[in-house]
Amino acid sequence: MLMIPKSVSIVGVVTSLLLGTAVLGFGQNPAPMPKRDPERHPHIRAAMADLRKAANQLEHADHDFGGHRAKAVALVKQAEDELREAIAWAKAHPDSDKTPSAAAVPKK
């Protein structure tokens, strides 16, 4: 009877498992890329969050500042409305963001 040291058989088993796993892994198709959500606009969403924070800060301010605080709150609310309309427009026109508008291109 041929005696095989235990270390050789363990190394063989581990090597076989690693090679088998590698071969199976390469044979799999990669996961498909998720489709881009046309409503997802991180900069607009971040601006909306910042405006909500600004409105909250203004609404809890101690002074009216001669009516300027109330006017600032109204303008922040107006800006929030504009951004909501921008998101709705982008959702209705999903292919419109493929090329930047002239206003978004920096002038040289």
N, C-alpha and C. Protein backbone atom coordinates (compact mmCIF):
# COMPACT_ATOMS: atom_id res chain seq x y z
N MET A 1 0.84 -1.17 0.00
CA MET A 1 0.00 0.00 0.00
C MET A 1 0.89 1.24 0.00
N LEU A 2 0.54 2.19 -0.82
CA LEU A 2 1.29 3.43 -0.94
C LEU A 2 0.84 4.40 0.13
N MET A 3 1.76 4.92 0.87
CA MET A 3 1.44 5.85 1.97
C MET A 3 1.61 7.29 1.44
N ILE A 4 0.54 8.08 1.49
CA ILE A 4 0.60 9.49 1.09
C ILE A 4 0.50 10.33 2.35
N PRO A 5 1.46 11.21 2.54
CA PRO A 5 1.40 12.06 3.74
C PRO A 5 0.11 12.89 3.74
N LYS A 6 -0.42 13.14 4.94
CA LYS A 6 -1.66 13.93 5.06
C LYS A 6 -1.52 15.31 4.46
N SER A 7 -0.36 15.95 4.61
CA SER A 7 -0.18 17.31 4.10
C SER A 7 -0.33 17.36 2.58
N VAL A 8 0.08 16.30 1.88
CA VAL A 8 -0.04 16.28 0.42
C VAL A 8 -1.51 16.18 0.04
N SER A 9 -2.27 15.36 0.69
CA SER A 9 -3.66 15.21 0.33
C SER A 9 -4.47 16.46 0.67
N ILE A 10 -4.17 17.12 1.76
CA ILE A 10 -4.86 18.36 2.11
C ILE A 10 -4.54 19.45 1.10
N VAL A 11 -3.28 19.55 0.70
CA VAL A 11 -2.88 20.54 -0.30
C VAL A 11 -3.59 20.25 -1.61
N GLY A 12 -3.69 19.00 -1.98
CA GLY A 12 -4.37 18.61 -3.21
C GLY A 12 -5.84 18.97 -3.19
N VAL A 13 -6.50 18.71 -2.07
CA VAL A 13 -7.92 19.02 -1.94
C VAL A 13 -8.14 20.53 -2.00
N VAL A 14 -7.33 21.28 -1.28
CA VAL A 14 -7.47 22.75 -1.28
C VAL A 14 -7.23 23.31 -2.68
N THR A 15 -6.19 22.82 -3.34
CA THR A 15 -5.88 23.28 -4.70
C THR A 15 -7.04 22.97 -5.65
N SER A 16 -7.59 21.76 -5.55
CA SER A 16 -8.71 21.39 -6.41
C SER A 16 -9.92 22.29 -6.16
N LEU A 17 -10.20 22.58 -4.90
CA LEU A 17 -11.33 23.46 -4.58
C LEU A 17 -11.12 24.86 -5.14
N LEU A 18 -9.91 25.39 -4.99
CA LEU A 18 -9.63 26.73 -5.49
C LEU A 18 -9.74 26.79 -7.01
N LEU A 19 -9.18 25.81 -7.69
CA LEU A 19 -9.25 25.80 -9.15
C LEU A 19 -10.68 25.61 -9.63
N GLY A 20 -11.43 24.75 -8.97
CA GLY A 20 -12.83 24.53 -9.34
C GLY A 20 -13.66 25.79 -9.17
N THR A 21 -13.44 26.49 -8.07
CA THR A 21 -14.16 27.73 -7.82
C THR A 21 -13.81 28.78 -8.85
N ALA A 22 -12.53 28.87 -9.21
CA ALA A 22 -12.10 29.86 -10.19
C ALA A 22 -12.71 29.57 -11.55
N VAL A 23 -12.72 28.30 -11.95
CA VAL A 23 -13.29 27.95 -13.25
C VAL A 23 -14.79 28.25 -13.28
N LEU A 24 -15.49 27.91 -12.22
CA LEU A 24 -16.92 28.19 -12.17
C LEU A 24 -17.18 29.70 -12.18
N GLY A 25 -16.36 30.46 -11.47
CA GLY A 25 -16.53 31.91 -11.42
C GLY A 25 -16.34 32.57 -12.77
N PHE A 26 -15.37 32.09 -13.55
CA PHE A 26 -15.12 32.70 -14.86
C PHE A 26 -16.18 32.30 -15.87
N GLY A 27 -16.84 31.20 -15.64
CA GLY A 27 -17.86 30.74 -16.57
C GLY A 27 -19.18 31.46 -16.41
N GLN A 28 -19.37 32.17 -15.33
CA GLN A 28 -20.63 32.86 -15.06
C GLN A 28 -20.68 34.16 -15.84
N ASN A 29 -21.87 34.54 -16.26
CA ASN A 29 -22.06 35.84 -16.90
C ASN A 29 -22.05 36.91 -15.82
N PRO A 30 -21.45 38.07 -16.10
CA PRO A 30 -21.47 39.14 -15.09
C PRO A 30 -22.90 39.63 -14.88
N ALA A 31 -23.14 40.16 -13.70
CA ALA A 31 -24.48 40.69 -13.39
C ALA A 31 -24.78 41.86 -14.32
N PRO A 32 -25.99 41.94 -14.84
CA PRO A 32 -26.31 43.06 -15.72
C PRO A 32 -26.29 44.37 -14.95
N MET A 33 -25.87 45.41 -15.64
CA MET A 33 -25.84 46.74 -15.02
C MET A 33 -27.28 47.22 -14.85
N PRO A 34 -27.59 47.78 -13.69
CA PRO A 34 -28.96 48.29 -13.51
C PRO A 34 -29.19 49.47 -14.44
N LYS A 35 -30.42 49.60 -14.90
CA LYS A 35 -30.76 50.73 -15.77
C LYS A 35 -30.76 52.00 -14.94
N ARG A 36 -30.33 53.07 -15.56
CA ARG A 36 -30.25 54.37 -14.89
C ARG A 36 -31.66 54.88 -14.63
N ASP A 37 -31.88 55.32 -13.43
CA ASP A 37 -33.17 55.89 -13.06
C ASP A 37 -33.19 57.33 -13.54
N PRO A 38 -34.07 57.65 -14.51
CA PRO A 38 -34.06 59.01 -15.06
C PRO A 38 -34.46 60.09 -14.05
N GLU A 39 -35.08 59.68 -12.95
CA GLU A 39 -35.49 60.66 -11.96
C GLU A 39 -34.35 60.97 -10.99
N ARG A 40 -33.32 60.20 -11.01
CA ARG A 40 -32.26 60.37 -10.03
C ARG A 40 -31.30 61.48 -10.48
N HIS A 41 -31.29 62.55 -9.75
CA HIS A 41 -30.42 63.69 -10.04
C HIS A 41 -29.79 64.12 -8.72
N PRO A 42 -28.61 63.60 -8.42
CA PRO A 42 -28.03 63.80 -7.09
C PRO A 42 -27.80 65.26 -6.71
N HIS A 43 -27.43 66.10 -7.66
CA HIS A 43 -27.17 67.50 -7.32
C HIS A 43 -28.47 68.23 -6.99
N ILE A 44 -29.51 67.95 -7.75
CA ILE A 44 -30.81 68.57 -7.47
C ILE A 44 -31.34 68.07 -6.13
N ARG A 45 -31.21 66.77 -5.90
CA ARG A 45 -31.68 66.20 -4.62
C ARG A 45 -30.91 66.80 -3.44
N ALA A 46 -29.61 66.98 -3.59
CA ALA A 46 -28.80 67.58 -2.52
C ALA A 46 -29.21 69.02 -2.28
N ALA A 47 -29.47 69.75 -3.36
CA ALA A 47 -29.91 71.15 -3.23
C ALA A 47 -31.25 71.22 -2.51
N MET A 48 -32.14 70.28 -2.82
CA MET A 48 -33.45 70.26 -2.16
C MET A 48 -33.29 70.01 -0.66
N ALA A 49 -32.41 69.10 -0.32
CA ALA A 49 -32.16 68.82 1.11
C ALA A 49 -31.58 70.05 1.80
N ASP A 50 -30.66 70.73 1.14
CA ASP A 50 -30.07 71.94 1.72
C ASP A 50 -31.11 73.04 1.88
N LEU A 51 -31.99 73.18 0.91
CA LEU A 51 -33.04 74.19 1.02
C LEU A 51 -34.00 73.88 2.17
N ARG A 52 -34.32 72.60 2.36
CA ARG A 52 -35.19 72.23 3.49
C ARG A 52 -34.52 72.61 4.82
N LYS A 53 -33.21 72.37 4.90
CA LYS A 53 -32.48 72.73 6.13
C LYS A 53 -32.46 74.25 6.31
N ALA A 54 -32.25 74.97 5.21
CA ALA A 54 -32.22 76.43 5.29
C ALA A 54 -33.57 76.97 5.73
N ALA A 55 -34.65 76.43 5.16
CA ALA A 55 -35.99 76.88 5.54
C ALA A 55 -36.24 76.61 7.02
N ASN A 56 -35.82 75.47 7.50
CA ASN A 56 -35.99 75.13 8.91
C ASN A 56 -35.22 76.10 9.81
N GLN A 57 -34.00 76.42 9.43
CA GLN A 57 -33.20 77.36 10.21
C GLN A 57 -33.86 78.74 10.22
N LEU A 58 -34.31 79.19 9.08
CA LEU A 58 -34.93 80.51 8.99
C LEU A 58 -36.23 80.57 9.80
N GLU A 59 -37.01 79.50 9.73
CA GLU A 59 -38.29 79.48 10.45
C GLU A 59 -38.09 79.48 11.97
N HIS A 60 -36.94 79.03 12.43
CA HIS A 60 -36.67 78.99 13.88
C HIS A 60 -35.76 80.12 14.34
N ALA A 61 -35.52 81.09 13.47
CA ALA A 61 -34.68 82.24 13.86
C ALA A 61 -35.41 83.08 14.91
N ASP A 62 -34.65 83.72 15.77
CA ASP A 62 -35.22 84.50 16.86
C ASP A 62 -35.79 85.85 16.42
N HIS A 63 -35.26 86.41 15.35
CA HIS A 63 -35.67 87.75 14.93
C HIS A 63 -36.30 87.71 13.55
N ASP A 64 -37.07 88.77 13.24
CA ASP A 64 -37.71 88.89 11.94
C ASP A 64 -36.81 89.65 10.96
N PHE A 65 -35.86 90.42 11.48
CA PHE A 65 -34.93 91.20 10.68
C PHE A 65 -35.66 92.12 9.70
N GLY A 66 -36.66 92.79 10.22
CA GLY A 66 -37.38 93.79 9.41
C GLY A 66 -38.12 93.18 8.22
N GLY A 67 -38.57 91.95 8.34
CA GLY A 67 -39.31 91.30 7.26
C GLY A 67 -38.43 90.52 6.29
N HIS A 68 -37.12 90.67 6.42
CA HIS A 68 -36.21 89.98 5.49
C HIS A 68 -36.19 88.47 5.72
N ARG A 69 -36.35 88.05 6.97
CA ARG A 69 -36.37 86.62 7.25
C ARG A 69 -37.58 85.97 6.57
N ALA A 70 -38.75 86.58 6.69
CA ALA A 70 -39.97 86.04 6.07
C ALA A 70 -39.82 86.01 4.54
N LYS A 71 -39.21 87.05 3.98
CA LYS A 71 -38.99 87.07 2.53
C LYS A 71 -38.02 85.96 2.12
N ALA A 72 -36.98 85.74 2.93
CA ALA A 72 -36.02 84.67 2.63
C ALA A 72 -36.70 83.30 2.69
N VAL A 73 -37.59 83.10 3.67
CA VAL A 73 -38.32 81.84 3.77
C VAL A 73 -39.16 81.63 2.51
N ALA A 74 -39.84 82.68 2.06
CA ALA A 74 -40.67 82.57 0.86
C ALA A 74 -39.81 82.26 -0.37
N LEU A 75 -38.65 82.87 -0.47
CA LEU A 75 -37.77 82.61 -1.62
C LEU A 75 -37.21 81.19 -1.58
N VAL A 76 -36.91 80.69 -0.39
CA VAL A 76 -36.43 79.31 -0.26
C VAL A 76 -37.54 78.35 -0.69
N LYS A 77 -38.76 78.63 -0.27
CA LYS A 77 -39.90 77.79 -0.67
C LYS A 77 -40.09 77.84 -2.19
N GLN A 78 -39.91 79.01 -2.78
CA GLN A 78 -40.02 79.16 -4.23
C GLN A 78 -38.93 78.33 -4.92
N ALA A 79 -37.72 78.36 -4.39
CA ALA A 79 -36.62 77.57 -4.96
C ALA A 79 -36.92 76.08 -4.85
N GLU A 80 -37.49 75.65 -3.73
CA GLU A 80 -37.87 74.24 -3.57
C GLU A 80 -38.90 73.84 -4.63
N ASP A 81 -39.88 74.72 -4.86
CA ASP A 81 -40.90 74.45 -5.88
C ASP A 81 -40.26 74.32 -7.27
N GLU A 82 -39.32 75.19 -7.57
CA GLU A 82 -38.65 75.15 -8.87
C GLU A 82 -37.90 73.83 -9.04
N LEU A 83 -37.24 73.37 -7.98
CA LEU A 83 -36.50 72.11 -8.09
C LEU A 83 -37.44 70.92 -8.23
N ARG A 84 -38.58 70.97 -7.55
CA ARG A 84 -39.58 69.90 -7.74
C ARG A 84 -40.06 69.88 -9.19
N GLU A 85 -40.29 71.06 -9.76
CA GLU A 85 -40.70 71.15 -11.15
C GLU A 85 -39.60 70.64 -12.08
N ALA A 86 -38.35 70.92 -11.74
CA ALA A 86 -37.23 70.44 -12.55
C ALA A 86 -37.18 68.91 -12.56
N ILE A 87 -37.39 68.29 -11.39
CA ILE A 87 -37.40 66.82 -11.31
C ILE A 87 -38.56 66.26 -12.12
N ALA A 88 -39.74 66.89 -12.02
CA ALA A 88 -40.90 66.42 -12.79
C ALA A 88 -40.64 66.55 -14.29
N TRP A 89 -40.01 67.65 -14.70
CA TRP A 89 -39.69 67.85 -16.11
C TRP A 89 -38.70 66.79 -16.58
N ALA A 90 -37.67 66.53 -15.78
CA ALA A 90 -36.67 65.52 -16.15
C ALA A 90 -37.29 64.14 -16.26
N LYS A 91 -38.25 63.86 -15.39
CA LYS A 91 -38.92 62.56 -15.44
C LYS A 91 -39.75 62.44 -16.72
N ALA A 92 -40.37 63.53 -17.13
CA ALA A 92 -41.19 63.53 -18.34
C ALA A 92 -40.34 63.54 -19.62
N HIS A 93 -39.07 63.95 -19.52
CA HIS A 93 -38.16 64.04 -20.67
C HIS A 93 -36.87 63.28 -20.35
N PRO A 94 -36.90 61.95 -20.24
CA PRO A 94 -35.73 61.19 -19.77
C PRO A 94 -34.52 61.26 -20.70
N ASP A 95 -34.70 61.54 -21.98
CA ASP A 95 -33.56 61.59 -22.90
C ASP A 95 -32.96 62.98 -23.03
N SER A 96 -33.50 63.96 -22.35
CA SER A 96 -33.06 65.34 -22.51
C SER A 96 -31.72 65.63 -21.84
N ASP A 97 -31.28 64.77 -20.93
CA ASP A 97 -30.04 65.06 -20.19
C ASP A 97 -28.81 64.45 -20.85
N LYS A 98 -28.91 64.01 -22.09
CA LYS A 98 -27.77 63.41 -22.77
C LYS A 98 -26.75 64.46 -23.20
N THR A 99 -27.20 65.68 -23.47
CA THR A 99 -26.28 66.76 -23.83
C THR A 99 -26.53 67.93 -22.88
N PRO A 100 -25.44 68.56 -22.42
CA PRO A 100 -25.64 69.69 -21.49
C PRO A 100 -26.21 70.90 -22.21
N SER A 101 -26.97 71.67 -21.47
CA SER A 101 -27.54 72.89 -22.04
C SER A 101 -26.44 73.93 -22.20
N ALA A 102 -26.71 74.94 -22.99
CA ALA A 102 -25.72 76.00 -23.21
C ALA A 102 -25.37 76.70 -21.92
N ALA A 103 -26.33 76.81 -21.00
CA ALA A 103 -26.08 77.49 -19.73
C ALA A 103 -25.13 76.67 -18.85
N ALA A 104 -25.10 75.33 -19.04
CA ALA A 104 -24.27 74.48 -18.20
C ALA A 104 -22.84 74.40 -18.69
N VAL A 105 -22.59 74.80 -19.94
CA VAL A 105 -21.24 74.74 -20.50
C VAL A 105 -20.48 75.98 -20.07
N PRO A 106 -19.32 75.79 -19.41
CA PRO A 106 -18.55 76.98 -18.97
C PRO A 106 -18.01 77.75 -20.17
N LYS A 107 -18.06 79.07 -20.06
CA LYS A 107 -17.55 79.94 -21.12
C LYS A 107 -16.06 80.14 -20.94
N LYS A 108 -15.35 80.22 -22.04
CA LYS A 108 -13.90 80.38 -21.99
C LYS A 108 -13.49 81.81 -22.11
